[in-house]
Amino acid sequence: MRKRNGKYYCFYSGANFLTSRYGVDYCVADSIMGPYSDTGADKGARVLHAVEGHVRGPGHHSHVLSPDGKTEYLVYHAWDKAMKERQLCIDKLAWTAQGPRCQGPTYTPQPLPR
């Protein structure tokens, strides 16, 4: 759950992790008790989703702030390319006009958060 600009965003992971549809999405409400709307169930995971041939099943995440106290990140896990192990991942979270979007999943080395 994350409050931003007076709205409550409930983030969740959903769908079958073996498919490209699995990932992180959200719904939004004016009150923490709801009602919640704007689910992306029919659109697929809007915040974080698979990258064919590189990342499968990204999700099960937490929100964290970088040491600067301003930059938001999602910390999550995803299957490696060979589907042998779940790896810990971290990517920036951007708040766009279309809603929250993870700037990933990345699958190459990234700079450390500042």
PDB file of N, CA and C in Angstrom:
ATOM      1  N   MET A   1       0.859  -1.177   0.000  1.00  0.00           N
ATOM      2  CA  MET A   1       0.000   0.000   0.000  1.00  0.00           C
ATOM      3  C   MET A   1       0.895   1.226   0.000  1.00  0.00           C
ATOM      4  N   ARG A   2       0.531   2.210  -0.790  1.00  0.00           N
ATOM      5  CA  ARG A   2       1.332   3.435  -0.882  1.00  0.00           C
ATOM      6  C   ARG A   2       0.380   4.610  -1.062  1.00  0.00           C
ATOM      7  N   LYS A   3       0.536   5.654  -0.245  1.00  0.00           N
ATOM      8  CA  LYS A   3      -0.273   6.861  -0.389  1.00  0.00           C
ATOM      9  C   LYS A   3       0.538   7.887  -1.159  1.00  0.00           C
ATOM     10  N   ARG A   4      -0.094   8.477  -2.174  1.00  0.00           N
ATOM     11  CA  ARG A   4       0.578   9.496  -2.979  1.00  0.00           C
ATOM     12  C   ARG A   4      -0.470  10.479  -3.499  1.00  0.00           C
ATOM     13  N   ASN A   5      -0.213  11.766  -3.266  1.00  0.00           N
ATOM     14  CA  ASN A   5      -1.102  12.843  -3.721  1.00  0.00           C
ATOM     15  C   ASN A   5      -2.563  12.595  -3.322  1.00  0.00           C
ATOM     16  N   GLY A   6      -2.769  12.147  -2.081  1.00  0.00           N
ATOM     17  CA  GLY A   6      -4.120  11.969  -1.555  1.00  0.00           C
ATOM     18  C   GLY A   6      -4.821  10.704  -2.010  1.00  0.00           C
ATOM     19  N   LYS A   7      -4.176   9.866  -2.790  1.00  0.00           N
ATOM     20  CA  LYS A   7      -4.757   8.605  -3.268  1.00  0.00           C
ATOM     21  C   LYS A   7      -4.024   7.427  -2.628  1.00  0.00           C
ATOM     22  N   TYR A   8      -4.732   6.332  -2.453  1.00  0.00           N
ATOM     23  CA  TYR A   8      -4.152   5.108  -1.919  1.00  0.00           C
ATOM     24  C   TYR A   8      -3.962   4.118  -3.066  1.00  0.00           C
ATOM     25  N   TYR A   9      -2.741   3.669  -3.236  1.00  0.00           N
ATOM     26  CA  TYR A   9      -2.396   2.713  -4.285  1.00  0.00           C
ATOM     27  C   TYR A   9      -2.101   1.368  -3.625  1.00  0.00           C
ATOM     28  N   CYS A  10      -2.879   0.367  -4.003  1.00  0.00           N
ATOM     29  CA  CYS A  10      -2.666  -0.985  -3.503  1.00  0.00           C
ATOM     30  C   CYS A  10      -1.962  -1.776  -4.606  1.00  0.00           C
ATOM     31  N   PHE A  11      -0.715  -2.112  -4.367  1.00  0.00           N
ATOM     32  CA  PHE A  11       0.081  -2.854  -5.339  1.00  0.00           C
ATOM     33  C   PHE A  11      -0.049  -4.348  -5.058  1.00  0.00           C
ATOM     34  N   TYR A  12      -0.023  -5.145  -6.104  1.00  0.00           N
ATOM     35  CA  TYR A  12      -0.115  -6.597  -5.944  1.00  0.00           C
ATOM     36  C   TYR A  12       0.557  -7.297  -7.125  1.00  0.00           C
ATOM     37  N   SER A  13       0.944  -8.535  -6.901  1.00  0.00           N
ATOM     38  CA  SER A  13       1.468  -9.395  -7.955  1.00  0.00           C
ATOM     39  C   SER A  13       0.368 -10.362  -8.336  1.00  0.00           C
ATOM     40  N   GLY A  14       0.251 -10.662  -9.636  1.00  0.00           N
ATOM     41  CA  GLY A  14      -0.812 -11.554 -10.047  1.00  0.00           C
ATOM     42  C   GLY A  14      -0.570 -12.232 -11.372  1.00  0.00           C
ATOM     43  N   ALA A  15      -1.371 -13.243 -11.644  1.00  0.00           N
ATOM     44  CA  ALA A  15      -1.370 -14.114 -12.822  1.00  0.00           C
ATOM     45  C   ALA A  15      -0.430 -15.292 -12.580  1.00  0.00           C
ATOM     46  N   ASN A  16      -0.301 -16.154 -13.539  1.00  0.00           N
ATOM     47  CA  ASN A  16       0.555 -17.338 -13.447  1.00  0.00           C
ATOM     48  C   ASN A  16       1.991 -16.928 -13.739  1.00  0.00           C
ATOM     49  N   PHE A  17       2.908 -17.188 -12.801  1.00  0.00           N
ATOM     50  CA  PHE A  17       4.300 -16.735 -12.973  1.00  0.00           C
ATOM     51  C   PHE A  17       4.998 -17.406 -14.147  1.00  0.00           C
ATOM     52  N   LEU A  18       4.452 -18.486 -14.649  1.00  0.00           N
ATOM     53  CA  LEU A  18       5.061 -19.156 -15.800  1.00  0.00           C
ATOM     54  C   LEU A  18       4.698 -18.489 -17.121  1.00  0.00           C
ATOM     55  N   THR A  19       3.819 -17.502 -17.065  1.00  0.00           N
ATOM     56  CA  THR A  19       3.424 -16.803 -18.287  1.00  0.00           C
ATOM     57  C   THR A  19       3.971 -15.374 -18.288  1.00  0.00           C
ATOM     58  N   SER A  20       3.944 -14.749 -19.436  1.00  0.00           N
ATOM     59  CA  SER A  20       4.417 -13.366 -19.545  1.00  0.00           C
ATOM     60  C   SER A  20       3.438 -12.386 -18.919  1.00  0.00           C
ATOM     61  N   ARG A  21       2.235 -12.829 -18.560  1.00  0.00           N
ATOM     62  CA  ARG A  21       1.241 -11.946 -17.951  1.00  0.00           C
ATOM     63  C   ARG A  21       1.529 -11.654 -16.485  1.00  0.00           C
ATOM     64  N   TYR A  22       2.339 -12.498 -15.830  1.00  0.00           N
ATOM     65  CA  TYR A  22       2.608 -12.304 -14.402  1.00  0.00           C
ATOM     66  C   TYR A  22       3.412 -11.031 -14.182  1.00  0.00           C
ATOM     67  N   GLY A  23       3.080 -10.314 -13.126  1.00  0.00           N
ATOM     68  CA  GLY A  23       3.824  -9.112 -12.786  1.00  0.00           C
ATOM     69  C   GLY A  23       3.119  -8.324 -11.709  1.00  0.00           C
ATOM     70  N   VAL A  24       3.463  -7.060 -11.607  1.00  0.00           N
ATOM     71  CA  VAL A  24       2.945  -6.174 -10.560  1.00  0.00           C
ATOM     72  C   VAL A  24       1.980  -5.171 -11.183  1.00  0.00           C
ATOM     73  N   ASP A  25       0.836  -5.029 -10.557  1.00  0.00           N
ATOM     74  CA  ASP A  25      -0.149  -4.043 -10.975  1.00  0.00           C
ATOM     75  C   ASP A  25      -0.661  -3.333  -9.722  1.00  0.00           C
ATOM     76  N   TYR A  26      -1.665  -2.502  -9.852  1.00  0.00           N
ATOM     77  CA  TYR A  26      -2.194  -1.742  -8.718  1.00  0.00           C
ATOM     78  C   TYR A  26      -3.658  -1.421  -8.944  1.00  0.00           C
ATOM     79  N   CYS A  27      -4.324  -1.047  -7.867  1.00  0.00           N
ATOM     80  CA  CYS A  27      -5.637  -0.430  -7.929  1.00  0.00           C
ATOM     81  C   CYS A  27      -5.544   0.809  -7.033  1.00  0.00           C
ATOM     82  N   VAL A  28      -6.501   1.723  -7.169  1.00  0.00           N
ATOM     83  CA  VAL A  28      -6.404   3.016  -6.498  1.00  0.00           C
ATOM     84  C   VAL A  28      -7.738   3.406  -5.863  1.00  0.00           C
ATOM     85  N   ALA A  29      -7.657   4.140  -4.727  1.00  0.00           N
ATOM     86  CA  ALA A  29      -8.862   4.595  -4.026  1.00  0.00           C
ATOM     87  C   ALA A  29      -8.592   5.938  -3.359  1.00  0.00           C
ATOM     88  N   ASP A  30      -9.673   6.637  -3.037  1.00  0.00           N
ATOM     89  CA  ASP A  30      -9.570   7.904  -2.313  1.00  0.00           C
ATOM     90  C   ASP A  30      -9.435   7.686  -0.810  1.00  0.00           C
ATOM     91  N   SER A  31      -9.847   6.509  -0.328  1.00  0.00           N
ATOM     92  CA  SER A  31      -9.795   6.159   1.087  1.00  0.00           C
ATOM     93  C   SER A  31      -9.098   4.814   1.227  1.00  0.00           C
ATOM     94  N   ILE A  32      -8.382   4.634   2.319  1.00  0.00           N
ATOM     95  CA  ILE A  32      -7.693   3.363   2.526  1.00  0.00           C
ATOM     96  C   ILE A  32      -8.676   2.190   2.555  1.00  0.00           C
ATOM     97  N   MET A  33      -9.932   2.461   2.933  1.00  0.00           N
ATOM     98  CA  MET A  33     -10.952   1.413   2.989  1.00  0.00           C
ATOM     99  C   MET A  33     -11.644   1.178   1.643  1.00  0.00           C
ATOM    100  N   GLY A  34     -11.255   1.961   0.621  1.00  0.00           N
ATOM    101  CA  GLY A  34     -11.836   1.759  -0.709  1.00  0.00           C
ATOM    102  C   GLY A  34     -13.100   2.560  -0.906  1.00  0.00           C
ATOM    103  N   PRO A  35     -13.811   2.310  -1.959  1.00  0.00           N
ATOM    104  CA  PRO A  35     -13.609   1.227  -2.922  1.00  0.00           C
ATOM    105  C   PRO A  35     -12.413   1.492  -3.847  1.00  0.00           C
ATOM    106  N   TYR A  36     -11.799   0.413  -4.309  1.00  0.00           N
ATOM    107  CA  TYR A  36     -10.641   0.492  -5.202  1.00  0.00           C
ATOM    108  C   TYR A  36     -11.073   0.254  -6.641  1.00  0.00           C
ATOM    109  N   SER A  37     -10.428   0.954  -7.544  1.00  0.00           N
ATOM    110  CA  SER A  37     -10.733   0.804  -8.969  1.00  0.00           C
ATOM    111  C   SER A  37      -9.451   0.945  -9.771  1.00  0.00           C
ATOM    112  N   ASP A  38      -9.588   0.954 -11.069  1.00  0.00           N
ATOM    113  CA  ASP A  38      -8.470   1.114 -11.999  1.00  0.00           C
ATOM    114  C   ASP A  38      -7.531  -0.084 -11.947  1.00  0.00           C
ATOM    115  N   THR A  39      -8.102  -1.272 -11.843  1.00  0.00           N
ATOM    116  CA  THR A  39      -7.264  -2.464 -11.897  1.00  0.00           C
ATOM    117  C   THR A  39      -6.840  -2.695 -13.334  1.00  0.00           C
ATOM    118  N   GLY A  40      -5.704  -3.282 -13.502  1.00  0.00           N
ATOM    119  CA  GLY A  40      -5.191  -3.534 -14.841  1.00  0.00           C
ATOM    120  C   GLY A  40      -5.387  -4.960 -15.296  1.00  0.00           C
ATOM    121  N   ALA A  41      -6.297  -5.699 -14.618  1.00  0.00           N
ATOM    122  CA  ALA A  41      -6.461  -7.120 -14.911  1.00  0.00           C
ATOM    123  C   ALA A  41      -6.665  -7.397 -16.398  1.00  0.00           C
ATOM    124  N   ASP A  42      -7.402  -6.541 -17.073  1.00  0.00           N
ATOM    125  CA  ASP A  42      -7.648  -6.770 -18.496  1.00  0.00           C
ATOM    126  C   ASP A  42      -6.517  -6.234 -19.376  1.00  0.00           C
ATOM    127  N   LYS A  43      -5.604  -5.472 -18.797  1.00  0.00           N
ATOM    128  CA  LYS A  43      -4.515  -4.869 -19.562  1.00  0.00           C
ATOM    129  C   LYS A  43      -3.177  -5.551 -19.304  1.00  0.00           C
ATOM    130  N   GLY A  44      -3.120  -6.432 -18.324  1.00  0.00           N
ATOM    131  CA  GLY A  44      -1.854  -7.035 -17.922  1.00  0.00           C
ATOM    132  C   GLY A  44      -1.186  -6.175 -16.867  1.00  0.00           C
ATOM    133  N   ALA A  45      -0.063  -6.642 -16.393  1.00  0.00           N
ATOM    134  CA  ALA A  45       0.666  -5.945 -15.324  1.00  0.00           C
ATOM    135  C   ALA A  45       1.253  -4.642 -15.861  1.00  0.00           C
ATOM    136  N   ARG A  46       0.830  -3.532 -15.286  1.00  0.00           N
ATOM    137  CA  ARG A  46       1.270  -2.223 -15.784  1.00  0.00           C
ATOM    138  C   ARG A  46       2.525  -1.703 -15.102  1.00  0.00           C
ATOM    139  N   VAL A  47       2.781  -2.123 -13.874  1.00  0.00           N
ATOM    140  CA  VAL A  47       3.916  -1.579 -13.126  1.00  0.00           C
ATOM    141  C   VAL A  47       5.206  -2.320 -13.462  1.00  0.00           C
ATOM    142  N   LEU A  48       5.141  -3.632 -13.507  1.00  0.00           N
ATOM    143  CA  LEU A  48       6.329  -4.460 -13.708  1.00  0.00           C
ATOM    144  C   LEU A  48       5.888  -5.757 -14.368  1.00  0.00           C
ATOM    145  N   HIS A  49       6.578  -6.154 -15.436  1.00  0.00           N
ATOM    146  CA  HIS A  49       6.203  -7.382 -16.139  1.00  0.00           C
ATOM    147  C   HIS A  49       7.436  -8.032 -16.760  1.00  0.00           C
ATOM    148  N   ALA A  50       7.247  -9.239 -17.278  1.00  0.00           N
ATOM    149  CA  ALA A  50       8.350 -10.025 -17.841  1.00  0.00           C
ATOM    150  C   ALA A  50       8.986  -9.337 -19.046  1.00  0.00           C
ATOM    151  N   VAL A  51      10.231  -9.697 -19.293  1.00  0.00           N
ATOM    152  CA  VAL A  51      10.933  -9.307 -20.513  1.00  0.00           C
ATOM    153  C   VAL A  51      11.300 -10.611 -21.211  1.00  0.00           C
ATOM    154  N   GLU A  52      10.626 -10.887 -22.311  1.00  0.00           N
ATOM    155  CA  GLU A  52      10.801 -12.152 -23.024  1.00  0.00           C
ATOM    156  C   GLU A  52      12.269 -12.474 -23.264  1.00  0.00           C
ATOM    157  N   GLY A  53      12.651 -13.684 -22.891  1.00  0.00           N
ATOM    158  CA  GLY A  53      14.020 -14.146 -23.097  1.00  0.00           C
ATOM    159  C   GLY A  53      15.024 -13.698 -22.040  1.00  0.00           C
ATOM    160  N   HIS A  54      14.576 -12.883 -21.063  1.00  0.00           N
ATOM    161  CA  HIS A  54      15.502 -12.371 -20.054  1.00  0.00           C
ATOM    162  C   HIS A  54      14.991 -12.522 -18.624  1.00  0.00           C
ATOM    163  N   VAL A  55      13.763 -12.095 -18.372  1.00  0.00           N
ATOM    164  CA  VAL A  55      13.223 -12.069 -17.003  1.00  0.00           C
ATOM    165  C   VAL A  55      11.831 -12.684 -17.014  1.00  0.00           C
ATOM    166  N   ARG A  56      11.607 -13.663 -16.122  1.00  0.00           N
ATOM    167  CA  ARG A  56      10.282 -14.281 -15.995  1.00  0.00           C
ATOM    168  C   ARG A  56       9.795 -14.139 -14.556  1.00  0.00           C
ATOM    169  N   GLY A  57       8.515 -13.911 -14.436  1.00  0.00           N
ATOM    170  CA  GLY A  57       7.878 -13.898 -13.124  1.00  0.00           C
ATOM    171  C   GLY A  57       8.335 -12.820 -12.166  1.00  0.00           C
ATOM    172  N   PRO A  58       8.534 -11.574 -12.621  1.00  0.00           N
ATOM    173  CA  PRO A  58       8.928 -10.539 -11.662  1.00  0.00           C
ATOM    174  C   PRO A  58       7.754 -10.146 -10.768  1.00  0.00           C
ATOM    175  N   GLY A  59       8.001 -10.075  -9.471  1.00  0.00           N
ATOM    176  CA  GLY A  59       6.938  -9.666  -8.564  1.00  0.00           C
ATOM    177  C   GLY A  59       7.328  -9.882  -7.118  1.00  0.00           C
ATOM    178  N   HIS A  60       6.289  -9.931  -6.254  1.00  0.00           N
ATOM    179  CA  HIS A  60       6.504 -10.136  -4.826  1.00  0.00           C
ATOM    180  C   HIS A  60       7.448  -9.054  -4.300  1.00  0.00           C
ATOM    181  N   HIS A  61       7.031  -7.843  -4.366  1.00  0.00           N
ATOM    182  CA  HIS A  61       7.905  -6.678  -4.221  1.00  0.00           C
ATOM    183  C   HIS A  61       7.685  -5.900  -2.919  1.00  0.00           C
ATOM    184  N   SER A  62       8.621  -4.998  -2.678  1.00  0.00           N
ATOM    185  CA  SER A  62       8.530  -4.011  -1.604  1.00  0.00           C
ATOM    186  C   SER A  62       8.954  -2.655  -2.165  1.00  0.00           C
ATOM    187  N   HIS A  63       8.427  -1.595  -1.571  1.00  0.00           N
ATOM    188  CA  HIS A  63       8.818  -0.233  -1.947  1.00  0.00           C
ATOM    189  C   HIS A  63       9.900   0.237  -0.989  1.00  0.00           C
ATOM    190  N   VAL A  64      10.942   0.857  -1.522  1.00  0.00           N
ATOM    191  CA  VAL A  64      12.002   1.412  -0.678  1.00  0.00           C
ATOM    192  C   VAL A  64      12.436   2.760  -1.243  1.00  0.00           C
ATOM    193  N   LEU A  65      13.009   3.585  -0.360  1.00  0.00           N
ATOM    194  CA  LEU A  65      13.590   4.862  -0.775  1.00  0.00           C
ATOM    195  C   LEU A  65      15.102   4.717  -0.833  1.00  0.00           C
ATOM    196  N   SER A  66      15.718   5.417  -1.771  1.00  0.00           N
ATOM    197  CA  SER A  66      17.174   5.417  -1.860  1.00  0.00           C
ATOM    198  C   SER A  66      17.734   6.246  -0.702  1.00  0.00           C
ATOM    199  N   PRO A  67      19.022   6.200  -0.500  1.00  0.00           N
ATOM    200  CA  PRO A  67      19.626   6.994   0.577  1.00  0.00           C
ATOM    201  C   PRO A  67      19.347   8.495   0.478  1.00  0.00           C
ATOM    202  N   ASP A  68      19.012   9.006  -0.726  1.00  0.00           N
ATOM    203  CA  ASP A  68      18.709  10.435  -0.838  1.00  0.00           C
ATOM    204  C   ASP A  68      17.334  10.772  -0.266  1.00  0.00           C
ATOM    205  N   GLY A  69      16.542   9.733   0.073  1.00  0.00           N
ATOM    206  CA  GLY A  69      15.226   9.938   0.668  1.00  0.00           C
ATOM    207  C   GLY A  69      14.170  10.392  -0.309  1.00  0.00           C
ATOM    208  N   LYS A  70      14.468  10.404  -1.607  1.00  0.00           N
ATOM    209  CA  LYS A  70      13.535  10.892  -2.625  1.00  0.00           C
ATOM    210  C   LYS A  70      13.242   9.876  -3.715  1.00  0.00           C
ATOM    211  N   THR A  71      14.259   9.178  -4.186  1.00  0.00           N
ATOM    212  CA  THR A  71      14.103   8.257  -5.305  1.00  0.00           C
ATOM    213  C   THR A  71      13.498   6.949  -4.808  1.00  0.00           C
ATOM    214  N   GLU A  72      12.398   6.542  -5.450  1.00  0.00           N
ATOM    215  CA  GLU A  72      11.715   5.315  -5.052  1.00  0.00           C
ATOM    216  C   GLU A  72      12.178   4.136  -5.897  1.00  0.00           C
ATOM    217  N   TYR A  73      12.237   2.991  -5.254  1.00  0.00           N
ATOM    218  CA  TYR A  73      12.617   1.754  -5.932  1.00  0.00           C
ATOM    219  C   TYR A  73      11.638   0.652  -5.584  1.00  0.00           C
ATOM    220  N   LEU A  74      11.529  -0.314  -6.484  1.00  0.00           N
ATOM    221  CA  LEU A  74      10.865  -1.572  -6.179  1.00  0.00           C
ATOM    222  C   LEU A  74      11.954  -2.616  -6.002  1.00  0.00           C
ATOM    223  N   VAL A  75      11.888  -3.336  -4.917  1.00  0.00           N
ATOM    224  CA  VAL A  75      12.769  -4.479  -4.682  1.00  0.00           C
ATOM    225  C   VAL A  75      11.876  -5.700  -4.860  1.00  0.00           C
ATOM    226  N   TYR A  76      12.259  -6.597  -5.739  1.00  0.00           N
ATOM    227  CA  TYR A  76      11.410  -7.727  -6.085  1.00  0.00           C
ATOM    228  C   TYR A  76      12.279  -8.921  -6.464  1.00  0.00           C
ATOM    229  N   HIS A  77      11.646 -10.040  -6.727  1.00  0.00           N
ATOM    230  CA  HIS A  77      12.416 -11.177  -7.216  1.00  0.00           C
ATOM    231  C   HIS A  77      11.841 -11.634  -8.543  1.00  0.00           C
ATOM    232  N   ALA A  78      12.687 -12.299  -9.322  1.00  0.00           N
ATOM    233  CA  ALA A  78      12.297 -12.808 -10.636  1.00  0.00           C
ATOM    234  C   ALA A  78      13.138 -14.036 -10.947  1.00  0.00           C
ATOM    235  N   TRP A  79      12.611 -14.877 -11.808  1.00  0.00           N
ATOM    236  CA  TRP A  79      13.372 -16.046 -12.250  1.00  0.00           C
ATOM    237  C   TRP A  79      14.512 -15.609 -13.151  1.00  0.00           C
ATOM    238  N   ASP A  80      15.644 -16.305 -13.034  1.00  0.00           N
ATOM    239  CA  ASP A  80      16.737 -16.079 -13.977  1.00  0.00           C
ATOM    240  C   ASP A  80      16.330 -16.661 -15.334  1.00  0.00           C
ATOM    241  N   LYS A  81      17.103 -16.382 -16.350  1.00  0.00           N
ATOM    242  CA  LYS A  81      16.790 -16.788 -17.722  1.00  0.00           C
ATOM    243  C   LYS A  81      16.592 -18.302 -17.837  1.00  0.00           C
ATOM    244  N   ALA A  82      17.376 -19.077 -17.082  1.00  0.00           N
ATOM    245  CA  ALA A  82      17.297 -20.541 -17.146  1.00  0.00           C
ATOM    246  C   ALA A  82      16.199 -21.116 -16.248  1.00  0.00           C
ATOM    247  N   MET A  83      15.486 -20.282 -15.504  1.00  0.00           N
ATOM    248  CA  MET A  83      14.438 -20.719 -14.576  1.00  0.00           C
ATOM    249  C   MET A  83      14.994 -21.676 -13.524  1.00  0.00           C
ATOM    250  N   LYS A  84      16.201 -21.424 -13.054  1.00  0.00           N
ATOM    251  CA  LYS A  84      16.842 -22.257 -12.038  1.00  0.00           C
ATOM    252  C   LYS A  84      16.724 -21.653 -10.644  1.00  0.00           C
ATOM    253  N   GLU A  85      16.667 -20.310 -10.566  1.00  0.00           N
ATOM    254  CA  GLU A  85      16.610 -19.666  -9.257  1.00  0.00           C
ATOM    255  C   GLU A  85      15.924 -18.311  -9.351  1.00  0.00           C
ATOM    256  N   ARG A  86      15.371 -17.890  -8.219  1.00  0.00           N
ATOM    257  CA  ARG A  86      14.797 -16.554  -8.125  1.00  0.00           C
ATOM    258  C   ARG A  86      15.918 -15.620  -7.693  1.00  0.00           C
ATOM    259  N   GLN A  87      16.006 -14.494  -8.346  1.00  0.00           N
ATOM    260  CA  GLN A  87      17.046 -13.520  -8.045  1.00  0.00           C
ATOM    261  C   GLN A  87      16.423 -12.260  -7.472  1.00  0.00           C
ATOM    262  N   LEU A  88      17.136 -11.611  -6.557  1.00  0.00           N
ATOM    263  CA  LEU A  88      16.699 -10.343  -6.003  1.00  0.00           C
ATOM    264  C   LEU A  88      17.023  -9.244  -7.004  1.00  0.00           C
ATOM    265  N   CYS A  89      16.059  -8.377  -7.263  1.00  0.00           N
ATOM    266  CA  CYS A  89      16.214  -7.299  -8.250  1.00  0.00           C
ATOM    267  C   CYS A  89      15.793  -5.981  -7.616  1.00  0.00           C
ATOM    268  N   ILE A  90      16.308  -4.892  -8.140  1.00  0.00           N
ATOM    269  CA  ILE A  90      15.916  -3.553  -7.693  1.00  0.00           C
ATOM    270  C   ILE A  90      15.921  -2.630  -8.901  1.00  0.00           C
ATOM    271  N   ASP A  91      14.822  -1.899  -9.071  1.00  0.00           N
ATOM    272  CA  ASP A  91      14.686  -0.945 -10.175  1.00  0.00           C
ATOM    273  C   ASP A  91      13.896   0.267  -9.707  1.00  0.00           C
ATOM    274  N   LYS A  92      14.138   1.403 -10.359  1.00  0.00           N
ATOM    275  CA  LYS A  92      13.444   2.644 -10.008  1.00  0.00           C
ATOM    276  C   LYS A  92      11.954   2.551 -10.294  1.00  0.00           C
ATOM    277  N   LEU A  93      11.174   3.224  -9.457  1.00  0.00           N
ATOM    278  CA  LEU A  93       9.736   3.364  -9.640  1.00  0.00           C
ATOM    279  C   LEU A  93       9.482   4.812 -10.049  1.00  0.00           C
ATOM    280  N   ALA A  94       8.788   4.979 -11.165  1.00  0.00           N
ATOM    281  CA  ALA A  94       8.447   6.317 -11.656  1.00  0.00           C
ATOM    282  C   ALA A  94       6.938   6.519 -11.535  1.00  0.00           C
ATOM    283  N   TRP A  95       6.537   7.711 -11.128  1.00  0.00           N
ATOM    284  CA  TRP A  95       5.125   8.073 -11.078  1.00  0.00           C
ATOM    285  C   TRP A  95       4.834   8.878 -12.329  1.00  0.00           C
ATOM    286  N   THR A  96       4.128   8.282 -13.286  1.00  0.00           N
ATOM    287  CA  THR A  96       3.855   8.905 -14.575  1.00  0.00           C
ATOM    288  C   THR A  96       2.395   9.350 -14.646  1.00  0.00           C
ATOM    289  N   ALA A  97       2.045  10.053 -15.708  1.00  0.00           N
ATOM    290  CA  ALA A  97       0.653  10.463 -15.904  1.00  0.00           C
ATOM    291  C   ALA A  97      -0.265   9.252 -16.049  1.00  0.00           C
ATOM    292  N   GLN A  98       0.279   8.118 -16.485  1.00  0.00           N
ATOM    293  CA  GLN A  98      -0.493   6.892 -16.639  1.00  0.00           C
ATOM    294  C   GLN A  98      -0.523   6.057 -15.355  1.00  0.00           C
ATOM    295  N   GLY A  99       0.191   6.507 -14.327  1.00  0.00           N
ATOM    296  CA  GLY A  99       0.251   5.772 -13.072  1.00  0.00           C
ATOM    297  C   GLY A  99       1.666   5.314 -12.768  1.00  0.00           C
ATOM    298  N   PRO A 100       1.850   4.556 -11.684  1.00  0.00           N
ATOM    299  CA  PRO A 100       3.193   4.107 -11.314  1.00  0.00           C
ATOM    300  C   PRO A 100       3.724   3.079 -12.310  1.00  0.00           C
ATOM    301  N   ARG A 101       5.014   3.226 -12.654  1.00  0.00           N
ATOM    302  CA  ARG A 101       5.669   2.310 -13.580  1.00  0.00           C
ATOM    303  C   ARG A 101       7.083   2.041 -13.095  1.00  0.00           C
ATOM    304  N   CYS A 102       7.445   0.773 -13.050  1.00  0.00           N
ATOM    305  CA  CYS A 102       8.813   0.402 -12.702  1.00  0.00           C
ATOM    306  C   CYS A 102       9.684   0.576 -13.942  1.00  0.00           C
ATOM    307  N   GLN A 103      10.850   1.117 -13.764  1.00  0.00           N
ATOM    308  CA  GLN A 103      11.774   1.296 -14.881  1.00  0.00           C
ATOM    309  C   GLN A 103      12.615   0.037 -15.010  1.00  0.00           C
ATOM    310  N   GLY A 104      11.962  -1.044 -15.289  1.00  0.00           N
ATOM    311  CA  GLY A 104      12.562  -2.361 -15.393  1.00  0.00           C
ATOM    312  C   GLY A 104      11.465  -3.347 -15.744  1.00  0.00           C
ATOM    313  N   PRO A 105      11.716  -4.631 -15.678  1.00  0.00           N
ATOM    314  CA  PRO A 105      12.889  -5.166 -15.014  1.00  0.00           C
ATOM    315  C   PRO A 105      14.134  -5.026 -15.881  1.00  0.00           C
ATOM    316  N   THR A 106      15.185  -4.638 -15.237  1.00  0.00           N
ATOM    317  CA  THR A 106      16.465  -4.583 -15.917  1.00  0.00           C
ATOM    318  C   THR A 106      17.129  -5.943 -15.790  1.00  0.00           C
ATOM    319  N   TYR A 107      18.008  -6.249 -16.685  1.00  0.00           N
ATOM    320  CA  TYR A 107      18.705  -7.529 -16.647  1.00  0.00           C
ATOM    321  C   TYR A 107      20.196  -7.363 -16.964  1.00  0.00           C
ATOM    322  N   THR A 108      20.648  -6.128 -16.873  1.00  0.00           N
ATOM    323  CA  THR A 108      22.068  -5.827 -17.011  1.00  0.00           C
ATOM    324  C   THR A 108      22.510  -5.085 -15.742  1.00  0.00           C
ATOM    325  N   PRO A 109      23.797  -5.036 -15.452  1.00  0.00           N
ATOM    326  CA  PRO A 109      24.244  -4.310 -14.245  1.00  0.00           C
ATOM    327  C   PRO A 109      23.759  -2.862 -14.264  1.00  0.00           C
ATOM    328  N   GLN A 110      23.358  -2.379 -13.090  1.00  0.00           N
ATOM    329  CA  GLN A 110      22.844  -1.012 -12.928  1.00  0.00           C
ATOM    330  C   GLN A 110      23.691  -0.285 -11.893  1.00  0.00           C
ATOM    331  N   PRO A 111      23.738   1.045 -11.967  1.00  0.00           N
ATOM    332  CA  PRO A 111      24.475   1.793 -10.942  1.00  0.00           C
ATOM    333  C   PRO A 111      23.797   1.672  -9.577  1.00  0.00           C
ATOM    334  N   LEU A 112      24.566   1.757  -8.536  1.00  0.00           N
ATOM    335  CA  LEU A 112      24.010   1.734  -7.184  1.00  0.00           C
ATOM    336  C   LEU A 112      23.149   2.961  -6.952  1.00  0.00           C
ATOM    337  N   PRO A 113      22.068   2.833  -6.171  1.00  0.00           N
ATOM    338  CA  PRO A 113      21.285   4.018  -5.813  1.00  0.00           C
ATOM    339  C   PRO A 113      22.170   5.014  -5.075  1.00  0.00           C
ATOM    340  N   ARG A 114      21.959   6.286  -5.323  1.00  0.00           N
ATOM    341  CA  ARG A 114      22.739   7.335  -4.677  1.00  0.00           C
ATOM    342  C   ARG A 114      22.047   7.850  -3.435  1.00  0.00           C
TER     343      ARG A 114
END
